[in-house]
Amino acid sequence: MSNLIPCWIKRWQRRLAYGTMAFLMAVTMGAVIPRPAQAGLFDIILPTIQVFQITNMSDAQEISLGSQVNQQLLSRSFRLHRDARLTSYIDEIGQRLIPHSDRPDIPYVFQVVEDDSINAFATMGGYVYVTTGLLAAAANESEVAGVLGHEVGHIAEKHALDQMRDVAIAQGVAGAFGLSRNQMVSIAVDVALTLPNSRKDELVADDHGFITMGEAGYDQTGMATLMQKLDSGSNPPAIFSTHPNPAARVARLQEMDRTSAIPLATAGNDTAAYSARVASLR
């Protein structure tokens, strides 16, 4: 009987189930944000006015902002990997995921940056960054697909814009008509470099990555195997410095893989083929 249920309904059911899991786990892991004991009417209304420009940003505005932030990051903090073939390969993996994501209608740019640390992050407007250290640590393409799917999830959910809003309110830097362009770029760069995502946001991004990679045909086990391998080391990698408890996160992904993985999603497990594609990192 279940085979008669349309695919879009199954997809919606999976996303609803994973979203509920993310919320419950975030609560049990202590994701509580302290709030002032008292707040006057002025304190409630003014932040809403101040962040109007961020919360109502159009796709075109977000893409333009992301481009400016990308320029700042690459000129001040990161250097692109010199092997264009490797960057093209990672972009191929990322672009394969996009049609199955929750936000496929903006352009995505996947970039490899020179950094021995094991990390990946995303900024607004479709920009995803993965370090050479992470690509060297991965065993196959499905593991990389899981990481990229996770970062695409942050973009789909506009987590960076939510963080910008919170920073603008906390710093009190927004005027009555919103932030200036320079203020937005400055805050966005600071968010990308220093501000961790919340536990709930990370779990939601895990859900998005898990579903997206499976629907793109990648073996969903890869998401958990990479994280389990990284968690087993003596020094936690950079990618775990701002994420929920690694062991609990791995266990959650393993449970999702046991109960909800797409049976026909088996691509990306060829270790030798992956090793050949990332040979410049070995």
C-alpha atoms as a PDB file:
ATOM      1  CA  MET A   1       0.000   0.000   0.000  1.00  0.00           C
ATOM      2  CA  SER A   2       2.831   2.417   0.850  1.00  0.00           C
ATOM      3  CA  ASN A   3       4.051   2.266  -2.743  1.00  0.00           C
ATOM      4  CA  LEU A   4       0.852   4.042  -3.783  1.00  0.00           C
ATOM      5  CA  ILE A   5       1.698   7.153  -1.771  1.00  0.00           C
ATOM      6  CA  PRO A   6       3.018   9.920  -4.096  1.00  0.00           C
ATOM      7  CA  CYS A   7       6.742  10.679  -3.769  1.00  0.00           C
ATOM      8  CA  TRP A   8       6.127  14.288  -2.770  1.00  0.00           C
ATOM      9  CA  ILE A   9       4.022  13.137   0.196  1.00  0.00           C
ATOM     10  CA  LYS A  10       6.745  10.720   1.301  1.00  0.00           C
ATOM     11  CA  ARG A  11       9.300  13.512   1.030  1.00  0.00           C
ATOM     12  CA  TRP A  12       7.100  15.843   3.109  1.00  0.00           C
ATOM     13  CA  GLN A  13       6.561  13.121   5.732  1.00  0.00           C
ATOM     14  CA  ARG A  14      10.314  12.503   6.023  1.00  0.00           C
ATOM     15  CA  ARG A  15      11.111  16.199   6.401  1.00  0.00           C
ATOM     16  CA  LEU A  16       8.378  16.612   9.038  1.00  0.00           C
ATOM     17  CA  ALA A  17       9.689  13.633  10.986  1.00  0.00           C
ATOM     18  CA  TYR A  18      13.299  14.802  10.871  1.00  0.00           C
ATOM     19  CA  GLY A  19      12.301  18.344  11.808  1.00  0.00           C
ATOM     20  CA  THR A  20      10.486  17.030  14.859  1.00  0.00           C
ATOM     21  CA  MET A  21      13.550  14.959  15.812  1.00  0.00           C
ATOM     22  CA  ALA A  22      15.765  18.026  15.475  1.00  0.00           C
ATOM     23  CA  PHE A  23      13.527  20.104  17.705  1.00  0.00           C
ATOM     24  CA  LEU A  24      13.258  17.460  20.416  1.00  0.00           C
ATOM     25  CA  MET A  25      16.990  16.818  20.443  1.00  0.00           C
ATOM     26  CA  ALA A  26      17.779  20.518  20.572  1.00  0.00           C
ATOM     27  CA  VAL A  27      15.544  20.849  23.630  1.00  0.00           C
ATOM     28  CA  THR A  28      17.053  17.843  25.396  1.00  0.00           C
ATOM     29  CA  MET A  29      20.594  19.045  24.671  1.00  0.00           C
ATOM     30  CA  GLY A  30      19.917  22.312  26.461  1.00  0.00           C
ATOM     31  CA  ALA A  31      19.434  24.721  23.597  1.00  0.00           C
ATOM     32  CA  VAL A  32      18.005  27.488  25.769  1.00  0.00           C
ATOM     33  CA  ILE A  33      18.552  31.161  24.997  1.00  0.00           C
ATOM     34  CA  PRO A  34      18.595  33.421  28.084  1.00  0.00           C
ATOM     35  CA  ARG A  35      16.138  36.322  27.884  1.00  0.00           C
ATOM     36  CA  PRO A  36      15.782  39.454  30.007  1.00  0.00           C
ATOM     37  CA  ALA A  37      13.410  39.166  32.914  1.00  0.00           C
ATOM     38  CA  GLN A  38      11.526  42.285  31.829  1.00  0.00           C
ATOM     39  CA  ALA A  39      11.147  44.117  28.548  1.00  0.00           C
ATOM     40  CA  GLY A  40       9.300  47.328  27.858  1.00  0.00           C
ATOM     41  CA  LEU A  41       7.097  47.924  24.832  1.00  0.00           C
ATOM     42  CA  PHE A  42       9.811  50.090  23.252  1.00  0.00           C
ATOM     43  CA  ASP A  43      12.357  47.275  23.627  1.00  0.00           C
ATOM     44  CA  ILE A  44      10.008  44.854  21.891  1.00  0.00           C
ATOM     45  CA  ILE A  45       8.941  47.064  18.985  1.00  0.00           C
ATOM     46  CA  LEU A  46      12.236  48.772  18.103  1.00  0.00           C
ATOM     47  CA  PRO A  47      14.268  45.627  17.262  1.00  0.00           C
ATOM     48  CA  THR A  48      11.482  44.591  14.885  1.00  0.00           C
ATOM     49  CA  ILE A  49      11.813  47.902  13.060  1.00  0.00           C
ATOM     50  CA  GLN A  50      15.613  47.784  13.097  1.00  0.00           C
ATOM     51  CA  VAL A  51      15.962  44.378  11.436  1.00  0.00           C
ATOM     52  CA  PHE A  52      13.264  44.865   8.832  1.00  0.00           C
ATOM     53  CA  GLN A  53      15.899  45.118   6.103  1.00  0.00           C
ATOM     54  CA  ILE A  54      17.435  41.737   7.007  1.00  0.00           C
ATOM     55  CA  THR A  55      14.311  39.694   7.581  1.00  0.00           C
ATOM     56  CA  ASN A  56      12.702  40.895   4.352  1.00  0.00           C
ATOM     57  CA  MET A  57      15.743  40.607   2.117  1.00  0.00           C
ATOM     58  CA  SER A  58      14.948  39.400  -1.404  1.00  0.00           C
ATOM     59  CA  ASP A  59      16.841  36.539  -3.046  1.00  0.00           C
ATOM     60  CA  ALA A  60      18.612  39.025  -5.328  1.00  0.00           C
ATOM     61  CA  GLN A  61      19.695  41.147  -2.360  1.00  0.00           C
ATOM     62  CA  GLU A  62      20.902  38.078  -0.459  1.00  0.00           C
ATOM     63  CA  ILE A  63      22.907  36.848  -3.456  1.00  0.00           C
ATOM     64  CA  SER A  64      24.499  40.270  -3.881  1.00  0.00           C
ATOM     65  CA  LEU A  65      25.360  40.421  -0.171  1.00  0.00           C
ATOM     66  CA  GLY A  66      26.801  36.893  -0.296  1.00  0.00           C
ATOM     67  CA  SER A  67      29.026  37.921  -3.216  1.00  0.00           C
ATOM     68  CA  GLN A  68      30.417  40.860  -1.250  1.00  0.00           C
ATOM     69  CA  VAL A  69      30.985  38.707   1.812  1.00  0.00           C
ATOM     70  CA  ASN A  70      32.736  36.108  -0.343  1.00  0.00           C
ATOM     71  CA  GLN A  71      35.115  38.771  -1.689  1.00  0.00           C
ATOM     72  CA  GLN A  72      35.918  39.905   1.847  1.00  0.00           C
ATOM     73  CA  LEU A  73      36.545  36.370   3.095  1.00  0.00           C
ATOM     74  CA  LEU A  74      38.822  35.459   0.191  1.00  0.00           C
ATOM     75  CA  SER A  75      40.815  38.679   0.439  1.00  0.00           C
ATOM     76  CA  ARG A  76      41.192  38.680   4.227  1.00  0.00           C
ATOM     77  CA  SER A  77      40.864  35.180   5.666  1.00  0.00           C
ATOM     78  CA  PHE A  78      41.032  32.361   3.111  1.00  0.00           C
ATOM     79  CA  ARG A  79      42.921  31.365  -0.007  1.00  0.00           C
ATOM     80  CA  LEU A  80      41.306  29.292  -2.727  1.00  0.00           C
ATOM     81  CA  HIS A  81      42.907  25.941  -3.512  1.00  0.00           C
ATOM     82  CA  ARG A  82      45.044  26.195  -6.640  1.00  0.00           C
ATOM     83  CA  ASP A  83      43.879  22.924  -8.242  1.00  0.00           C
ATOM     84  CA  ALA A  84      40.989  23.985 -10.478  1.00  0.00           C
ATOM     85  CA  ARG A  85      40.171  20.350 -11.286  1.00  0.00           C
ATOM     86  CA  LEU A  86      39.575  19.543  -7.637  1.00  0.00           C
ATOM     87  CA  THR A  87      37.370  22.613  -7.189  1.00  0.00           C
ATOM     88  CA  SER A  88      35.401  21.600 -10.288  1.00  0.00           C
ATOM     89  CA  TYR A  89      34.946  18.087  -8.850  1.00  0.00           C
ATOM     90  CA  ILE A  90      33.609  19.407  -5.530  1.00  0.00           C
ATOM     91  CA  ASP A  91      31.320  21.777  -7.391  1.00  0.00           C
ATOM     92  CA  GLU A  92      29.967  18.814  -9.391  1.00  0.00           C
ATOM     93  CA  ILE A  93      29.073  17.018  -6.167  1.00  0.00           C
ATOM     94  CA  GLY A  94      27.417  20.120  -4.772  1.00  0.00           C
ATOM     95  CA  GLN A  95      25.449  20.925  -7.909  1.00  0.00           C
ATOM     96  CA  ARG A  96      24.129  17.359  -7.994  1.00  0.00           C
ATOM     97  CA  LEU A  97      22.519  18.023  -4.613  1.00  0.00           C
ATOM     98  CA  ILE A  98      20.872  21.355  -5.407  1.00  0.00           C
ATOM     99  CA  PRO A  99      17.835  20.140  -7.423  1.00  0.00           C
ATOM    100  CA  HIS A 100      16.862  18.034  -4.390  1.00  0.00           C
ATOM    101  CA  SER A 101      17.350  20.777  -1.799  1.00  0.00           C
ATOM    102  CA  ASP A 102      14.640  22.934  -0.259  1.00  0.00           C
ATOM    103  CA  ARG A 103      15.981  26.012  -2.027  1.00  0.00           C
ATOM    104  CA  PRO A 104      17.085  25.123  -5.562  1.00  0.00           C
ATOM    105  CA  ASP A 105      16.217  28.444  -7.199  1.00  0.00           C
ATOM    106  CA  ILE A 106      19.361  30.449  -6.359  1.00  0.00           C
ATOM    107  CA  PRO A 107      22.881  29.943  -7.766  1.00  0.00           C
ATOM    108  CA  TYR A 108      25.309  27.999  -5.553  1.00  0.00           C
ATOM    109  CA  VAL A 109      29.081  28.364  -5.504  1.00  0.00           C
ATOM    110  CA  PHE A 110      31.141  25.545  -3.956  1.00  0.00           C
ATOM    111  CA  GLN A 111      34.736  26.486  -3.185  1.00  0.00           C
ATOM    112  CA  VAL A 112      37.780  24.664  -1.788  1.00  0.00           C
ATOM    113  CA  VAL A 113      39.944  26.741   0.554  1.00  0.00           C
ATOM    114  CA  GLU A 114      43.505  26.047   1.659  1.00  0.00           C
ATOM    115  CA  ASP A 115      43.292  24.997   5.291  1.00  0.00           C
ATOM    116  CA  ASP A 116      44.572  21.883   7.047  1.00  0.00           C
ATOM    117  CA  SER A 117      41.779  22.015   9.610  1.00  0.00           C
ATOM    118  CA  ILE A 118      38.749  19.800   9.030  1.00  0.00           C
ATOM    119  CA  ASN A 119      35.927  22.228   8.435  1.00  0.00           C
ATOM    120  CA  ALA A 120      33.169  23.472   6.151  1.00  0.00           C
ATOM    121  CA  PHE A 121      30.799  26.415   6.369  1.00  0.00           C
ATOM    122  CA  ALA A 122      28.316  28.414   4.333  1.00  0.00           C
ATOM    123  CA  THR A 123      27.339  32.048   3.981  1.00  0.00           C
ATOM    124  CA  MET A 124      24.195  33.647   2.631  1.00  0.00           C
ATOM    125  CA  GLY A 125      23.403  33.745  -1.072  1.00  0.00           C
ATOM    126  CA  GLY A 126      24.579  30.233  -1.975  1.00  0.00           C
ATOM    127  CA  TYR A 127      28.268  30.287  -1.024  1.00  0.00           C
ATOM    128  CA  VAL A 128      29.692  27.048   0.421  1.00  0.00           C
ATOM    129  CA  TYR A 129      33.291  26.545   1.582  1.00  0.00           C
ATOM    130  CA  VAL A 130      35.085  23.271   2.325  1.00  0.00           C
ATOM    131  CA  THR A 131      38.672  22.969   3.509  1.00  0.00           C
ATOM    132  CA  THR A 132      41.409  20.887   1.944  1.00  0.00           C
ATOM    133  CA  GLY A 133      41.786  19.254   5.366  1.00  0.00           C
ATOM    134  CA  LEU A 134      38.246  17.921   5.293  1.00  0.00           C
ATOM    135  CA  LEU A 135      38.565  16.610   1.736  1.00  0.00           C
ATOM    136  CA  ALA A 136      41.773  14.814   2.698  1.00  0.00           C
ATOM    137  CA  ALA A 137      40.055  13.243   5.715  1.00  0.00           C
ATOM    138  CA  ALA A 138      37.032  12.009   3.736  1.00  0.00           C
ATOM    139  CA  ALA A 139      37.167   8.452   2.389  1.00  0.00           C
ATOM    140  CA  ASN A 140      34.719   8.768  -0.473  1.00  0.00           C
ATOM    141  CA  GLU A 141      32.340  11.012  -2.387  1.00  0.00           C
ATOM    142  CA  SER A 142      29.278  10.190  -0.301  1.00  0.00           C
ATOM    143  CA  GLU A 143      30.990  11.536   2.818  1.00  0.00           C
ATOM    144  CA  VAL A 144      31.707  14.816   1.036  1.00  0.00           C
ATOM    145  CA  ALA A 145      28.133  14.926  -0.269  1.00  0.00           C
ATOM    146  CA  GLY A 146      26.861  14.682   3.303  1.00  0.00           C
ATOM    147  CA  VAL A 147      28.953  17.669   4.387  1.00  0.00           C
ATOM    148  CA  LEU A 148      27.931  19.771   1.391  1.00  0.00           C
ATOM    149  CA  GLY A 149      24.279  18.826   1.864  1.00  0.00           C
ATOM    150  CA  HIS A 150      24.502  19.969   5.471  1.00  0.00           C
ATOM    151  CA  GLU A 151      25.888  23.366   4.435  1.00  0.00           C
ATOM    152  CA  VAL A 152      23.269  23.750   1.706  1.00  0.00           C
ATOM    153  CA  GLY A 153      20.725  23.159   4.466  1.00  0.00           C
ATOM    154  CA  HIS A 154      22.013  26.216   6.328  1.00  0.00           C
ATOM    155  CA  ILE A 155      21.522  28.308   3.183  1.00  0.00           C
ATOM    156  CA  ALA A 156      18.080  26.861   2.506  1.00  0.00           C
ATOM    157  CA  GLU A 157      16.964  27.755   6.022  1.00  0.00           C
ATOM    158  CA  LYS A 158      18.639  31.216   5.874  1.00  0.00           C
ATOM    159  CA  HIS A 159      20.480  30.583   9.129  1.00  0.00           C
ATOM    160  CA  ALA A 160      23.175  33.180   8.387  1.00  0.00           C
ATOM    161  CA  LEU A 161      20.527  35.880   7.949  1.00  0.00           C
ATOM    162  CA  ASP A 162      18.926  34.855  11.247  1.00  0.00           C
ATOM    163  CA  GLN A 163      22.320  35.212  12.921  1.00  0.00           C
ATOM    164  CA  MET A 164      22.822  38.644  11.355  1.00  0.00           C
ATOM    165  CA  ARG A 165      19.459  39.739  12.752  1.00  0.00           C
ATOM    166  CA  ASP A 166      20.407  38.542  16.248  1.00  0.00           C
ATOM    167  CA  VAL A 167      23.792  40.300  16.101  1.00  0.00           C
ATOM    168  CA  ALA A 168      22.214  43.552  14.886  1.00  0.00           C
ATOM    169  CA  ILE A 169      19.762  43.506  17.789  1.00  0.00           C
ATOM    170  CA  ALA A 170      22.447  42.617  20.346  1.00  0.00           C
ATOM    171  CA  GLN A 171      24.836  45.321  19.140  1.00  0.00           C
ATOM    172  CA  GLY A 172      22.124  47.943  18.669  1.00  0.00           C
ATOM    173  CA  VAL A 173      23.715  49.042  15.395  1.00  0.00           C
ATOM    174  CA  ALA A 174      20.608  49.135  13.198  1.00  0.00           C
ATOM    175  CA  GLY A 175      18.886  52.407  12.441  1.00  0.00           C
ATOM    176  CA  ALA A 176      15.159  52.959  12.186  1.00  0.00           C
ATOM    177  CA  PHE A 177      15.200  51.981   8.517  1.00  0.00           C
ATOM    178  CA  GLY A 178      17.537  49.014   8.836  1.00  0.00           C
ATOM    179  CA  LEU A 179      21.251  48.463   8.377  1.00  0.00           C
ATOM    180  CA  SER A 180      23.474  50.215   5.883  1.00  0.00           C
ATOM    181  CA  ARG A 181      25.157  48.080   3.220  1.00  0.00           C
ATOM    182  CA  ASN A 182      28.547  48.368   4.903  1.00  0.00           C
ATOM    183  CA  GLN A 183      27.056  47.383   8.248  1.00  0.00           C
ATOM    184  CA  MET A 184      25.416  44.318   6.725  1.00  0.00           C
ATOM    185  CA  VAL A 185      28.653  43.170   5.055  1.00  0.00           C
ATOM    186  CA  SER A 186      30.635  43.722   8.256  1.00  0.00           C
ATOM    187  CA  ILE A 187      28.188  41.746  10.384  1.00  0.00           C
ATOM    188  CA  ALA A 188      27.895  38.983   7.770  1.00  0.00           C
ATOM    189  CA  VAL A 189      31.681  38.512   7.638  1.00  0.00           C
ATOM    190  CA  ASP A 190      31.847  38.398  11.435  1.00  0.00           C
ATOM    191  CA  VAL A 191      29.046  35.810  11.497  1.00  0.00           C
ATOM    192  CA  ALA A 192      30.875  33.636   8.951  1.00  0.00           C
ATOM    193  CA  LEU A 193      34.176  33.749  10.838  1.00  0.00           C
ATOM    194  CA  THR A 194      33.231  33.670  14.492  1.00  0.00           C
ATOM    195  CA  LEU A 195      29.585  32.938  15.265  1.00  0.00           C
ATOM    196  CA  PRO A 196      28.545  29.299  15.724  1.00  0.00           C
ATOM    197  CA  ASN A 197      25.190  27.999  14.614  1.00  0.00           C
ATOM    198  CA  SER A 198      22.737  26.956  17.294  1.00  0.00           C
ATOM    199  CA  ARG A 199      22.270  23.278  18.159  1.00  0.00           C
ATOM    200  CA  LYS A 200      18.815  23.336  16.618  1.00  0.00           C
ATOM    201  CA  ASP A 201      20.123  24.866  13.360  1.00  0.00           C
ATOM    202  CA  GLU A 202      22.861  22.243  13.114  1.00  0.00           C
ATOM    203  CA  LEU A 203      20.406  19.394  13.574  1.00  0.00           C
ATOM    204  CA  VAL A 204      18.033  20.875  11.012  1.00  0.00           C
ATOM    205  CA  ALA A 205      20.958  21.158   8.571  1.00  0.00           C
ATOM    206  CA  ASP A 206      21.849  17.513   9.267  1.00  0.00           C
ATOM    207  CA  ASP A 207      18.297  16.536   8.376  1.00  0.00           C
ATOM    208  CA  HIS A 208      18.425  18.549   5.179  1.00  0.00           C
ATOM    209  CA  GLY A 209      21.778  17.078   4.168  1.00  0.00           C
ATOM    210  CA  PHE A 210      20.664  13.526   4.895  1.00  0.00           C
ATOM    211  CA  ILE A 211      17.503  13.821   2.803  1.00  0.00           C
ATOM    212  CA  THR A 212      19.128  15.798  -0.006  1.00  0.00           C
ATOM    213  CA  MET A 213      22.071  13.444  -0.490  1.00  0.00           C
ATOM    214  CA  GLY A 214      19.757  10.431  -0.529  1.00  0.00           C
ATOM    215  CA  GLU A 215      17.434  11.925  -3.099  1.00  0.00           C
ATOM    216  CA  ALA A 216      20.510  12.798  -5.192  1.00  0.00           C
ATOM    217  CA  GLY A 217      21.422   9.096  -5.134  1.00  0.00           C
ATOM    218  CA  TYR A 218      24.269   9.179  -2.597  1.00  0.00           C
ATOM    219  CA  ASP A 219      24.612   6.513   0.080  1.00  0.00           C
ATOM    220  CA  GLN A 220      23.292   8.247   3.195  1.00  0.00           C
ATOM    221  CA  THR A 221      25.565   6.187   5.428  1.00  0.00           C
ATOM    222  CA  GLY A 222      28.399   8.495   4.352  1.00  0.00           C
ATOM    223  CA  MET A 223      27.146  11.332   6.512  1.00  0.00           C
ATOM    224  CA  ALA A 224      27.486   9.321   9.707  1.00  0.00           C
ATOM    225  CA  THR A 225      30.708   7.487   8.776  1.00  0.00           C
ATOM    226  CA  LEU A 226      32.637  10.711   8.235  1.00  0.00           C
ATOM    227  CA  MET A 227      31.477  12.202  11.507  1.00  0.00           C
ATOM    228  CA  GLN A 228      32.139   8.976  13.390  1.00  0.00           C
ATOM    229  CA  LYS A 229      35.664   8.827  12.000  1.00  0.00           C
ATOM    230  CA  LEU A 230      36.342  12.440  12.937  1.00  0.00           C
ATOM    231  CA  ASP A 231      34.909  11.977  16.433  1.00  0.00           C
ATOM    232  CA  SER A 232      37.249   9.045  17.082  1.00  0.00           C
ATOM    233  CA  GLY A 233      40.373  11.229  16.904  1.00  0.00           C
ATOM    234  CA  SER A 234      42.172  12.603  19.949  1.00  0.00           C
ATOM    235  CA  ASN A 235      41.820  16.215  18.788  1.00  0.00           C
ATOM    236  CA  PRO A 236      38.272  17.248  17.814  1.00  0.00           C
ATOM    237  CA  PRO A 237      38.303  18.810  14.327  1.00  0.00           C
ATOM    238  CA  ALA A 238      37.212  22.384  13.684  1.00  0.00           C
ATOM    239  CA  ILE A 239      33.910  21.225  12.234  1.00  0.00           C
ATOM    240  CA  PHE A 240      32.908  19.972  15.712  1.00  0.00           C
ATOM    241  CA  SER A 241      33.915  23.122  17.568  1.00  0.00           C
ATOM    242  CA  THR A 242      30.555  24.750  16.862  1.00  0.00           C
ATOM    243  CA  HIS A 243      28.351  21.693  16.456  1.00  0.00           C
ATOM    244  CA  PRO A 244      26.240  19.574  18.853  1.00  0.00           C
ATOM    245  CA  ASN A 245      27.796  16.736  20.838  1.00  0.00           C
ATOM    246  CA  PRO A 246      29.569  14.623  18.175  1.00  0.00           C
ATOM    247  CA  ALA A 247      28.713  11.223  19.663  1.00  0.00           C
ATOM    248  CA  ALA A 248      25.011  12.068  20.022  1.00  0.00           C
ATOM    249  CA  ARG A 249      24.983  13.514  16.533  1.00  0.00           C
ATOM    250  CA  VAL A 250      26.567  10.392  15.042  1.00  0.00           C
ATOM    251  CA  ALA A 251      24.099   8.148  16.893  1.00  0.00           C
ATOM    252  CA  ARG A 252      21.201  10.212  15.589  1.00  0.00           C
ATOM    253  CA  LEU A 253      22.424   9.963  11.985  1.00  0.00           C
ATOM    254  CA  GLN A 254      22.977   6.220  12.344  1.00  0.00           C
ATOM    255  CA  GLU A 255      19.395   5.814  13.552  1.00  0.00           C
ATOM    256  CA  MET A 256      18.137   7.857  10.607  1.00  0.00           C
ATOM    257  CA  ASP A 257      20.189   5.674   8.268  1.00  0.00           C
ATOM    258  CA  ARG A 258      18.721   2.480   9.784  1.00  0.00           C
ATOM    259  CA  THR A 259      15.124   3.636   9.658  1.00  0.00           C
ATOM    260  CA  SER A 260      14.772   6.170   6.853  1.00  0.00           C
ATOM    261  CA  ALA A 261      17.514   5.717   4.254  1.00  0.00           C
ATOM    262  CA  ILE A 262      16.520   5.444   0.600  1.00  0.00           C
ATOM    263  CA  PRO A 263      17.330   1.835  -0.457  1.00  0.00           C
ATOM    264  CA  LEU A 264      18.363   2.715  -4.014  1.00  0.00           C
ATOM    265  CA  ALA A 265      20.696   5.516  -2.908  1.00  0.00           C
ATOM    266  CA  THR A 266      24.066   3.760  -3.124  1.00  0.00           C
ATOM    267  CA  ALA A 267      26.346   6.121  -5.072  1.00  0.00           C
ATOM    268  CA  GLY A 268      29.607   7.614  -3.869  1.00  0.00           C
ATOM    269  CA  ASN A 269      31.274   4.673  -2.112  1.00  0.00           C
ATOM    270  CA  ASP A 270      34.178   4.089  -4.511  1.00  0.00           C
ATOM    271  CA  THR A 271      37.183   4.892  -2.319  1.00  0.00           C
ATOM    272  CA  ALA A 272      39.757   4.421  -5.091  1.00  0.00           C
ATOM    273  CA  ALA A 273      37.911   6.716  -7.483  1.00  0.00           C
ATOM    274  CA  TYR A 274      37.611   9.416  -4.833  1.00  0.00           C
ATOM    275  CA  SER A 275      41.278   9.109  -3.882  1.00  0.00           C
ATOM    276  CA  ALA A 276      42.255   9.628  -7.521  1.00  0.00           C
ATOM    277  CA  ARG A 277      40.117  12.769  -7.770  1.00  0.00           C
ATOM    278  CA  VAL A 278      41.681  14.325  -4.654  1.00  0.00           C
ATOM    279  CA  ALA A 279      45.230  13.181  -5.427  1.00  0.00           C
ATOM    280  CA  SER A 280      46.589  16.736  -5.108  1.00  0.00           C
ATOM    281  CA  LEU A 281      45.797  16.592  -1.384  1.00  0.00           C
ATOM    282  CA  ARG A 282      47.552  13.286  -0.652  1.00  0.00           C
END
